[in-house]
Amino acid sequence: MKKVIVTGGAGFIGSHTCVELVAAGYEPVIVDDLRNSEER
């Protein structure tokens, strides 16, 4: 499975993109300091 690093992946657009990446067969690797997002 191809890994894609997603900076800001816990953010609004990033989290939705991670969902679409998984649906397309990719494995997202999220990098986020959570300054503007949350673990939820």
PDB file of all heavy atoms in Angstrom:
ATOM      1  N   MET A   1       0.838  -1.185   0.000  1.00  0.00           N
ATOM      2  CA  MET A   1       0.000   0.000   0.000  1.00  0.00           C
ATOM      3  C   MET A   1       0.880   1.244   0.000  1.00  0.00           C
ATOM      4  O   MET A   1       1.813   1.359   0.791  1.00  0.00           O
ATOM      5  CB  MET A   1      -0.895  -0.015   1.243  1.00  0.00           C
ATOM      6  CG  MET A   1      -1.962   1.055   1.239  1.00  0.00           C
ATOM      7  SD  MET A   1      -3.052   0.944   2.684  1.00  0.00           S
ATOM      8  CE  MET A   1      -3.860  -0.618   2.336  1.00  0.00           C
ATOM      9  N   LYS A   2       0.596   2.195  -0.894  1.00  0.00           N
ATOM     10  CA  LYS A   2       1.407   3.399  -1.015  1.00  0.00           C
ATOM     11  C   LYS A   2       1.135   4.355   0.141  1.00  0.00           C
ATOM     12  O   LYS A   2      -0.018   4.684   0.432  1.00  0.00           O
ATOM     13  CB  LYS A   2       1.105   4.094  -2.350  1.00  0.00           C
ATOM     14  CG  LYS A   2       1.494   3.277  -3.574  1.00  0.00           C
ATOM     15  CD  LYS A   2       1.051   3.971  -4.851  1.00  0.00           C
ATOM     16  CE  LYS A   2       1.438   3.172  -6.077  1.00  0.00           C
ATOM     17  NZ  LYS A   2       0.944   3.799  -7.332  1.00  0.00           N
ATOM     18  N   LYS A   3       2.225   4.817   0.776  1.00  0.00           N
ATOM     19  CA  LYS A   3       2.094   5.731   1.906  1.00  0.00           C
ATOM     20  C   LYS A   3       2.176   7.177   1.436  1.00  0.00           C
ATOM     21  O   LYS A   3       3.063   7.534   0.653  1.00  0.00           O
ATOM     22  CB  LYS A   3       3.176   5.448   2.945  1.00  0.00           C
ATOM     23  CG  LYS A   3       2.977   4.117   3.672  1.00  0.00           C
ATOM     24  CD  LYS A   3       4.002   3.933   4.780  1.00  0.00           C
ATOM     25  CE  LYS A   3       3.758   2.629   5.520  1.00  0.00           C
ATOM     26  NZ  LYS A   3       4.741   2.427   6.612  1.00  0.00           N
ATOM     27  N   VAL A   4       1.256   7.986   1.949  1.00  0.00           N
ATOM     28  CA  VAL A   4       1.211   9.409   1.625  1.00  0.00           C
ATOM     29  C   VAL A   4       1.272  10.185   2.938  1.00  0.00           C
ATOM     30  O   VAL A   4       0.432   9.994   3.819  1.00  0.00           O
ATOM     31  CB  VAL A   4      -0.076   9.777   0.860  1.00  0.00           C
ATOM     32  CG1 VAL A   4      -0.138  11.283   0.604  1.00  0.00           C
ATOM     33  CG2 VAL A   4      -0.163   9.005  -0.450  1.00  0.00           C
ATOM     34  N   ILE A   5       2.275  11.032   3.091  1.00  0.00           N
ATOM     35  CA  ILE A   5       2.378  11.866   4.285  1.00  0.00           C
ATOM     36  C   ILE A   5       1.440  13.059   4.125  1.00  0.00           C
ATOM     37  O   ILE A   5       1.476  13.763   3.109  1.00  0.00           O
ATOM     38  CB  ILE A   5       3.829  12.311   4.518  1.00  0.00           C
ATOM     39  CG1 ILE A   5       4.664  11.087   4.939  1.00  0.00           C
ATOM     40  CG2 ILE A   5       3.902  13.415   5.579  1.00  0.00           C
ATOM     41  CD1 ILE A   5       6.121  11.362   5.139  1.00  0.00           C
ATOM     42  N   VAL A   6       0.574  13.240   5.118  1.00  0.00           N
ATOM     43  CA  VAL A   6      -0.439  14.302   5.083  1.00  0.00           C
ATOM     44  C   VAL A   6      -0.165  15.247   6.243  1.00  0.00           C
ATOM     45  O   VAL A   6      -0.484  14.944   7.396  1.00  0.00           O
ATOM     46  CB  VAL A   6      -1.862  13.723   5.177  1.00  0.00           C
ATOM     47  CG1 VAL A   6      -2.896  14.839   5.020  1.00  0.00           C
ATOM     48  CG2 VAL A   6      -2.083  12.638   4.129  1.00  0.00           C
ATOM     49  N   THR A   7       0.450  16.388   5.958  1.00  0.00           N
ATOM     50  CA  THR A   7       0.696  17.379   7.009  1.00  0.00           C
ATOM     51  C   THR A   7      -0.612  18.127   7.282  1.00  0.00           C
ATOM     52  O   THR A   7      -1.345  18.463   6.359  1.00  0.00           O
ATOM     53  CB  THR A   7       1.794  18.369   6.607  1.00  0.00           C
ATOM     54  OG1 THR A   7       1.318  19.181   5.534  1.00  0.00           O
ATOM     55  CG2 THR A   7       3.068  17.646   6.180  1.00  0.00           C
ATOM     56  N   GLY A   8      -0.903  18.344   8.554  1.00  0.00           N
ATOM     57  CA  GLY A   8      -2.191  18.943   8.888  1.00  0.00           C
ATOM     58  C   GLY A   8      -3.339  17.985   8.658  1.00  0.00           C
ATOM     59  O   GLY A   8      -4.479  18.384   8.451  1.00  0.00           O
ATOM     60  N   GLY A   9      -3.045  16.694   8.744  1.00  0.00           N
ATOM     61  CA  GLY A   9      -4.042  15.670   8.410  1.00  0.00           C
ATOM     62  C   GLY A   9      -5.155  15.503   9.420  1.00  0.00           C
ATOM     63  O   GLY A   9      -6.136  14.816   9.140  1.00  0.00           O
ATOM     64  N   ALA A  10      -5.026  16.136  10.609  1.00  0.00           N
ATOM     65  CA  ALA A  10      -6.115  16.093  11.584  1.00  0.00           C
ATOM     66  C   ALA A  10      -7.023  17.311  11.468  1.00  0.00           C
ATOM     67  O   ALA A  10      -7.995  17.437  12.203  1.00  0.00           O
ATOM     68  CB  ALA A  10      -5.553  16.010  13.004  1.00  0.00           C
ATOM     69  N   GLY A  11      -6.696  18.206  10.537  1.00  0.00           N
ATOM     70  CA  GLY A  11      -7.491  19.404  10.342  1.00  0.00           C
ATOM     71  C   GLY A  11      -8.753  19.133   9.547  1.00  0.00           C
ATOM     72  O   GLY A  11      -9.045  17.992   9.157  1.00  0.00           O
ATOM     73  N   PHE A  12      -9.478  20.192   9.279  1.00  0.00           N
ATOM     74  CA  PHE A  12     -10.773  20.092   8.606  1.00  0.00           C
ATOM     75  C   PHE A  12     -10.655  19.414   7.237  1.00  0.00           C
ATOM     76  O   PHE A  12     -11.231  18.352   6.994  1.00  0.00           O
ATOM     77  CB  PHE A  12     -11.357  21.493   8.483  1.00  0.00           C
ATOM     78  CG  PHE A  12     -12.670  21.598   7.757  1.00  0.00           C
ATOM     79  CD1 PHE A  12     -13.670  20.655   7.941  1.00  0.00           C
ATOM     80  CD2 PHE A  12     -12.914  22.662   6.907  1.00  0.00           C
ATOM     81  CE1 PHE A  12     -14.888  20.770   7.283  1.00  0.00           C
ATOM     82  CE2 PHE A  12     -14.124  22.794   6.247  1.00  0.00           C
ATOM     83  CZ  PHE A  12     -15.110  21.844   6.430  1.00  0.00           C
ATOM     84  N   ILE A  13      -9.868  20.000   6.356  1.00  0.00           N
ATOM     85  CA  ILE A  13      -9.738  19.438   5.006  1.00  0.00           C
ATOM     86  C   ILE A  13      -8.854  18.194   5.044  1.00  0.00           C
ATOM     87  O   ILE A  13      -9.112  17.205   4.357  1.00  0.00           O
ATOM     88  CB  ILE A  13      -9.179  20.487   4.029  1.00  0.00           C
ATOM     89  CG1 ILE A  13     -10.054  21.741   4.051  1.00  0.00           C
ATOM     90  CG2 ILE A  13      -9.106  19.932   2.608  1.00  0.00           C
ATOM     91  CD1 ILE A  13      -9.445  22.935   3.361  1.00  0.00           C
ATOM     92  N   GLY A  14      -7.804  18.229   5.865  1.00  0.00           N
ATOM     93  CA  GLY A  14      -6.890  17.096   5.941  1.00  0.00           C
ATOM     94  C   GLY A  14      -7.559  15.817   6.377  1.00  0.00           C
ATOM     95  O   GLY A  14      -7.299  14.746   5.805  1.00  0.00           O
ATOM     96  N   SER A  15      -8.423  15.875   7.382  1.00  0.00           N
ATOM     97  CA  SER A  15      -9.074  14.664   7.871  1.00  0.00           C
ATOM     98  C   SER A  15      -9.993  14.057   6.812  1.00  0.00           C
ATOM     99  O   SER A  15     -10.026  12.834   6.621  1.00  0.00           O
ATOM    100  CB  SER A  15      -9.857  14.949   9.150  1.00  0.00           C
ATOM    101  OG  SER A  15     -10.860  15.935   8.944  1.00  0.00           O
ATOM    102  N   HIS A  16     -10.715  14.901   6.100  1.00  0.00           N
ATOM    103  CA  HIS A  16     -11.587  14.393   5.032  1.00  0.00           C
ATOM    104  C   HIS A  16     -10.766  13.801   3.889  1.00  0.00           C
ATOM    105  O   HIS A  16     -11.157  12.798   3.284  1.00  0.00           O
ATOM    106  CB  HIS A  16     -12.494  15.513   4.514  1.00  0.00           C
ATOM    107  CG  HIS A  16     -13.579  15.899   5.472  1.00  0.00           C
ATOM    108  ND1 HIS A  16     -13.362  16.734   6.538  1.00  0.00           N
ATOM    109  CD2 HIS A  16     -14.885  15.540   5.540  1.00  0.00           C
ATOM    110  CE1 HIS A  16     -14.490  16.889   7.215  1.00  0.00           C
ATOM    111  NE2 HIS A  16     -15.428  16.180   6.632  1.00  0.00           N
ATOM    112  N   THR A  17      -9.614  14.402   3.616  1.00  0.00           N
ATOM    113  CA  THR A  17      -8.749  13.862   2.564  1.00  0.00           C
ATOM    114  C   THR A  17      -8.175  12.515   2.969  1.00  0.00           C
ATOM    115  O   THR A  17      -8.051  11.611   2.131  1.00  0.00           O
ATOM    116  CB  THR A  17      -7.631  14.867   2.233  1.00  0.00           C
ATOM    117  OG1 THR A  17      -8.222  16.087   1.767  1.00  0.00           O
ATOM    118  CG2 THR A  17      -6.683  14.325   1.168  1.00  0.00           C
ATOM    119  N   CYS A  18      -7.844  12.352   4.246  1.00  0.00           N
ATOM    120  CA  CYS A  18      -7.347  11.050   4.711  1.00  0.00           C
ATOM    121  C   CYS A  18      -8.392   9.956   4.500  1.00  0.00           C
ATOM    122  O   CYS A  18      -8.064   8.821   4.109  1.00  0.00           O
ATOM    123  CB  CYS A  18      -6.946  11.124   6.184  1.00  0.00           C
ATOM    124  SG  CYS A  18      -5.415  12.043   6.472  1.00  0.00           S
ATOM    125  N   VAL A  19      -9.656  10.286   4.737  1.00  0.00           N
ATOM    126  CA  VAL A  19     -10.736   9.321   4.489  1.00  0.00           C
ATOM    127  C   VAL A  19     -10.766   8.926   3.019  1.00  0.00           C
ATOM    128  O   VAL A  19     -10.877   7.739   2.669  1.00  0.00           O
ATOM    129  CB  VAL A  19     -12.097   9.911   4.925  1.00  0.00           C
ATOM    130  CG1 VAL A  19     -13.254   9.056   4.404  1.00  0.00           C
ATOM    131  CG2 VAL A  19     -12.159  10.027   6.443  1.00  0.00           C
ATOM    132  N   GLU A  20     -10.650   9.906   2.136  1.00  0.00           N
ATOM    133  CA  GLU A  20     -10.688   9.623   0.699  1.00  0.00           C
ATOM    134  C   GLU A  20      -9.439   8.859   0.249  1.00  0.00           C
ATOM    135  O   GLU A  20      -9.515   8.017  -0.652  1.00  0.00           O
ATOM    136  CB  GLU A  20     -10.827  10.926  -0.083  1.00  0.00           C
ATOM    137  CG  GLU A  20     -12.121  11.684   0.180  1.00  0.00           C
ATOM    138  CD  GLU A  20     -13.370  10.882  -0.161  1.00  0.00           C
ATOM    139  OE1 GLU A  20     -13.359  10.159  -1.185  1.00  0.00           O
ATOM    140  OE2 GLU A  20     -14.351  10.959   0.608  1.00  0.00           O
ATOM    141  N   LEU A  21      -8.297   9.134   0.861  1.00  0.00           N
ATOM    142  CA  LEU A  21      -7.070   8.387   0.535  1.00  0.00           C
ATOM    143  C   LEU A  21      -7.235   6.909   0.875  1.00  0.00           C
ATOM    144  O   LEU A  21      -6.867   6.029   0.082  1.00  0.00           O
ATOM    145  CB  LEU A  21      -5.877   8.970   1.299  1.00  0.00           C
ATOM    146  CG  LEU A  21      -5.298  10.277   0.772  1.00  0.00           C
ATOM    147  CD1 LEU A  21      -4.344  10.890   1.789  1.00  0.00           C
ATOM    148  CD2 LEU A  21      -4.570  10.069  -0.563  1.00  0.00           C
ATOM    149  N   VAL A  22      -7.780   6.632   2.049  1.00  0.00           N
ATOM    150  CA  VAL A  22      -7.994   5.234   2.447  1.00  0.00           C
ATOM    151  C   VAL A  22      -8.949   4.552   1.472  1.00  0.00           C
ATOM    152  O   VAL A  22      -8.719   3.419   1.032  1.00  0.00           O
ATOM    153  CB  VAL A  22      -8.538   5.158   3.886  1.00  0.00           C
ATOM    154  CG1 VAL A  22      -8.958   3.720   4.222  1.00  0.00           C
ATOM    155  CG2 VAL A  22      -7.484   5.639   4.886  1.00  0.00           C
ATOM    156  N   ALA A  23     -10.024   5.251   1.110  1.00  0.00           N
ATOM    157  CA  ALA A  23     -10.997   4.689   0.172  1.00  0.00           C
ATOM    158  C   ALA A  23     -10.365   4.376  -1.180  1.00  0.00           C
ATOM    159  O   ALA A  23     -10.795   3.439  -1.878  1.00  0.00           O
ATOM    160  CB  ALA A  23     -12.172   5.648  -0.008  1.00  0.00           C
ATOM    161  N   ALA A  24      -9.331   5.143  -1.547  1.00  0.00           N
ATOM    162  CA  ALA A  24      -8.659   4.945  -2.839  1.00  0.00           C
ATOM    163  C   ALA A  24      -7.497   3.959  -2.755  1.00  0.00           C
ATOM    164  O   ALA A  24      -6.805   3.740  -3.759  1.00  0.00           O
ATOM    165  CB  ALA A  24      -8.159   6.290  -3.368  1.00  0.00           C
ATOM    166  N   GLY A  25      -7.251   3.388  -1.571  1.00  0.00           N
ATOM    167  CA  GLY A  25      -6.210   2.375  -1.449  1.00  0.00           C
ATOM    168  C   GLY A  25      -4.862   2.877  -0.983  1.00  0.00           C
ATOM    169  O   GLY A  25      -3.882   2.121  -0.990  1.00  0.00           O
ATOM    170  N   TYR A  26      -4.778   4.142  -0.562  1.00  0.00           N
ATOM    171  CA  TYR A  26      -3.538   4.682  -0.017  1.00  0.00           C
ATOM    172  C   TYR A  26      -3.510   4.531   1.504  1.00  0.00           C
ATOM    173  O   TYR A  26      -4.555   4.334   2.135  1.00  0.00           O
ATOM    174  CB  TYR A  26      -3.408   6.172  -0.354  1.00  0.00           C
ATOM    175  CG  TYR A  26      -3.196   6.479  -1.815  1.00  0.00           C
ATOM    176  CD1 TYR A  26      -4.263   6.875  -2.621  1.00  0.00           C
ATOM    177  CD2 TYR A  26      -1.933   6.400  -2.390  1.00  0.00           C
ATOM    178  CE1 TYR A  26      -4.083   7.179  -3.965  1.00  0.00           C
ATOM    179  CE2 TYR A  26      -1.736   6.714  -3.739  1.00  0.00           C
ATOM    180  CZ  TYR A  26      -2.815   7.095  -4.513  1.00  0.00           C
ATOM    181  OH  TYR A  26      -2.627   7.395  -5.845  1.00  0.00           O
ATOM    182  N   GLU A  27      -2.327   4.666   2.084  1.00  0.00           N
ATOM    183  CA  GLU A  27      -2.197   4.704   3.535  1.00  0.00           C
ATOM    184  C   GLU A  27      -1.697   6.086   3.957  1.00  0.00           C
ATOM    185  O   GLU A  27      -0.522   6.401   3.773  1.00  0.00           O
ATOM    186  CB  GLU A  27      -1.232   3.636   4.047  1.00  0.00           C
ATOM    187  CG  GLU A  27      -1.149   3.619   5.571  1.00  0.00           C
ATOM    188  CD  GLU A  27      -0.350   2.459   6.130  1.00  0.00           C
ATOM    189  OE1 GLU A  27       0.312   1.745   5.335  1.00  0.00           O
ATOM    190  OE2 GLU A  27      -0.390   2.265   7.349  1.00  0.00           O
ATOM    191  N   PRO A  28      -2.580   6.914   4.527  1.00  0.00           N
ATOM    192  CA  PRO A  28      -2.136   8.238   4.969  1.00  0.00           C
ATOM    193  C   PRO A  28      -1.318   8.152   6.252  1.00  0.00           C
ATOM    194  O   PRO A  28      -1.636   7.376   7.153  1.00  0.00           O
ATOM    195  CB  PRO A  28      -3.448   8.987   5.206  1.00  0.00           C
ATOM    196  CG  PRO A  28      -4.469   7.933   5.461  1.00  0.00           C
ATOM    197  CD  PRO A  28      -4.025   6.718   4.693  1.00  0.00           C
ATOM    198  N   VAL A  29      -0.258   8.955   6.319  1.00  0.00           N
ATOM    199  CA  VAL A  29       0.549   9.103   7.525  1.00  0.00           C
ATOM    200  C   VAL A  29       0.390  10.560   7.951  1.00  0.00           C
ATOM    201  O   VAL A  29       0.876  11.463   7.274  1.00  0.00           O
ATOM    202  CB  VAL A  29       2.030   8.768   7.272  1.00  0.00           C
ATOM    203  CG1 VAL A  29       2.851   8.967   8.544  1.00  0.00           C
ATOM    204  CG2 VAL A  29       2.174   7.343   6.750  1.00  0.00           C
ATOM    205  N   ILE A  30      -0.303  10.775   9.058  1.00  0.00           N
ATOM    206  CA  ILE A  30      -0.693  12.119   9.467  1.00  0.00           C
ATOM    207  C   ILE A  30       0.384  12.766  10.331  1.00  0.00           C
ATOM    208  O   ILE A  30       0.867  12.168  11.288  1.00  0.00           O
ATOM    209  CB  ILE A  30      -2.024  12.081  10.240  1.00  0.00           C
ATOM    210  CG1 ILE A  30      -3.144  11.600   9.308  1.00  0.00           C
ATOM    211  CG2 ILE A  30      -2.354  13.445  10.837  1.00  0.00           C
ATOM    212  CD1 ILE A  30      -4.457  11.332  10.021  1.00  0.00           C
ATOM    213  N   VAL A  31       0.761  13.995   9.966  1.00  0.00           N
ATOM    214  CA  VAL A  31       1.663  14.821  10.772  1.00  0.00           C
ATOM    215  C   VAL A  31       0.899  16.083  11.137  1.00  0.00           C
ATOM    216  O   VAL A  31       0.520  16.860  10.256  1.00  0.00           O
ATOM    217  CB  VAL A  31       2.949  15.175  10.002  1.00  0.00           C
ATOM    218  CG1 VAL A  31       3.836  16.077  10.849  1.00  0.00           C
ATOM    219  CG2 VAL A  31       3.703  13.919   9.590  1.00  0.00           C
ATOM    220  N   ASP A  32       0.657  16.298  12.437  1.00  0.00           N
ATOM    221  CA  ASP A  32      -0.160  17.432  12.862  1.00  0.00           C
ATOM    222  C   ASP A  32       0.190  17.756  14.310  1.00  0.00           C
ATOM    223  O   ASP A  32       0.200  16.864  15.157  1.00  0.00           O
ATOM    224  CB  ASP A  32      -1.646  17.080  12.741  1.00  0.00           C
ATOM    225  CG  ASP A  32      -2.545  18.307  12.731  1.00  0.00           C
ATOM    226  OD1 ASP A  32      -2.395  19.157  13.628  1.00  0.00           O
ATOM    227  OD2 ASP A  32      -3.406  18.403  11.845  1.00  0.00           O
ATOM    228  N   ASP A  33       0.482  19.021  14.597  1.00  0.00           N
ATOM    229  CA  ASP A  33       0.796  19.385  15.986  1.00  0.00           C
ATOM    230  C   ASP A  33      -0.458  19.719  16.791  1.00  0.00           C
ATOM    231  O   ASP A  33      -0.371  20.071  17.974  1.00  0.00           O
ATOM    232  CB  ASP A  33       1.798  20.544  16.041  1.00  0.00           C
ATOM    233  CG  ASP A  33       1.257  21.846  15.458  1.00  0.00           C
ATOM    234  OD1 ASP A  33       0.076  21.884  15.056  1.00  0.00           O
ATOM    235  OD2 ASP A  33       2.014  22.825  15.419  1.00  0.00           O
ATOM    236  N   LEU A  34      -1.623  19.607  16.153  1.00  0.00           N
ATOM    237  CA  LEU A  34      -2.928  19.810  16.801  1.00  0.00           C
ATOM    238  C   LEU A  34      -3.127  21.231  17.325  1.00  0.00           C
ATOM    239  O   LEU A  34      -3.957  21.452  18.203  1.00  0.00           O
ATOM    240  CB  LEU A  34      -3.143  18.788  17.933  1.00  0.00           C
ATOM    241  CG  LEU A  34      -3.056  17.302  17.541  1.00  0.00           C
ATOM    242  CD1 LEU A  34      -3.372  16.425  18.738  1.00  0.00           C
ATOM    243  CD2 LEU A  34      -3.996  16.980  16.385  1.00  0.00           C
ATOM    244  N   ARG A  35      -2.414  22.190  16.749  1.00  0.00           N
ATOM    245  CA  ARG A  35      -2.620  23.582  17.186  1.00  0.00           C
ATOM    246  C   ARG A  35      -3.981  24.098  16.750  1.00  0.00           C
ATOM    247  O   ARG A  35      -4.563  24.972  17.402  1.00  0.00           O
ATOM    248  CB  ARG A  35      -1.513  24.491  16.671  1.00  0.00           C
ATOM    249  CG  ARG A  35      -1.605  24.830  15.193  1.00  0.00           C
ATOM    250  CD  ARG A  35      -0.622  25.898  14.775  1.00  0.00           C
ATOM    251  NE  ARG A  35       0.754  25.406  14.805  1.00  0.00           N
ATOM    252  CZ  ARG A  35       1.798  26.149  14.454  1.00  0.00           C
ATOM    253  NH1 ARG A  35       1.617  27.384  14.061  1.00  0.00           N
ATOM    254  NH2 ARG A  35       3.010  25.644  14.477  1.00  0.00           N
ATOM    255  N   ASN A  36      -4.483  23.586  15.626  1.00  0.00           N
ATOM    256  CA  ASN A  36      -5.792  24.007  15.130  1.00  0.00           C
ATOM    257  C   ASN A  36      -6.726  22.826  14.912  1.00  0.00           C
ATOM    258  O   ASN A  36      -7.658  22.908  14.106  1.00  0.00           O
ATOM    259  CB  ASN A  36      -5.632  24.788  13.815  1.00  0.00           C
ATOM    260  CG  ASN A  36      -4.997  26.145  14.018  1.00  0.00           C
ATOM    261  OD1 ASN A  36      -5.399  26.894  14.902  1.00  0.00           O
ATOM    262  ND2 ASN A  36      -3.986  26.458  13.228  1.00  0.00           N
ATOM    263  N   SER A  37      -6.469  21.724  15.610  1.00  0.00           N
ATOM    264  CA  SER A  37      -7.285  20.526  15.435  1.00  0.00           C
ATOM    265  C   SER A  37      -7.270  19.728  16.733  1.00  0.00           C
ATOM    266  O   SER A  37      -6.638  20.125  17.705  1.00  0.00           O
ATOM    267  CB  SER A  37      -6.761  19.685  14.266  1.00  0.00           C
ATOM    268  OG  SER A  37      -5.381  19.400  14.430  1.00  0.00           O
ATOM    269  N   GLU A  38      -7.957  18.596  16.737  1.00  0.00           N
ATOM    270  CA  GLU A  38      -8.038  17.782  17.946  1.00  0.00           C
ATOM    271  C   GLU A  38      -7.914  16.308  17.589  1.00  0.00           C
ATOM    272  O   GLU A  38      -8.175  15.894  16.453  1.00  0.00           O
ATOM    273  CB  GLU A  38      -9.373  18.025  18.661  1.00  0.00           C
ATOM    274  CG  GLU A  38      -9.543  19.444  19.179  1.00  0.00           C
ATOM    275  CD  GLU A  38     -10.863  19.646  19.904  1.00  0.00           C
ATOM    276  OE1 GLU A  38     -11.526  18.626  20.226  1.00  0.00           O
ATOM    277  OE2 GLU A  38     -11.237  20.810  20.145  1.00  0.00           O
ATOM    278  N   GLU A  39      -7.548  15.509  18.590  1.00  0.00           N
ATOM    279  CA  GLU A  39      -7.368  14.077  18.372  1.00  0.00           C
ATOM    280  C   GLU A  39      -8.665  13.381  17.968  1.00  0.00           C
ATOM    281  O   GLU A  39      -8.636  12.314  17.367  1.00  0.00           O
ATOM    282  CB  GLU A  39      -6.788  13.419  19.627  1.00  0.00           C
ATOM    283  CG  GLU A  39      -5.320  13.756  19.847  1.00  0.00           C
ATOM    284  CD  GLU A  39      -4.711  12.981  20.994  1.00  0.00           C
ATOM    285  OE1 GLU A  39      -5.393  12.091  21.535  1.00  0.00           O
ATOM    286  OE2 GLU A  39      -3.551  13.264  21.346  1.00  0.00           O
ATOM    287  N   ARG A  40      -9.808  13.987  18.293  1.00  0.00           N
ATOM    288  CA  ARG A  40     -11.072  13.354  17.923  1.00  0.00           C
ATOM    289  C   ARG A  40     -11.207  13.200  16.402  1.00  0.00           C
ATOM    290  O   ARG A  40     -11.960  12.344  15.930  1.00  0.00           O
ATOM    291  CB  ARG A  40     -12.253  14.132  18.489  1.00  0.00           C
ATOM    292  CG  ARG A  40     -12.577  15.422  17.770  1.00  0.00           C
ATOM    293  CD  ARG A  40     -13.879  16.032  18.244  1.00  0.00           C
ATOM    294  NE  ARG A  40     -13.746  16.612  19.565  1.00  0.00           N
ATOM    295  CZ  ARG A  40     -14.767  17.179  20.225  1.00  0.00           C
ATOM    296  NH1 ARG A  40     -15.963  17.200  19.682  1.00  0.00           N
ATOM    297  NH2 ARG A  40     -14.581  17.725  21.400  1.00  0.00           N
TER     298      ARG A  40
END
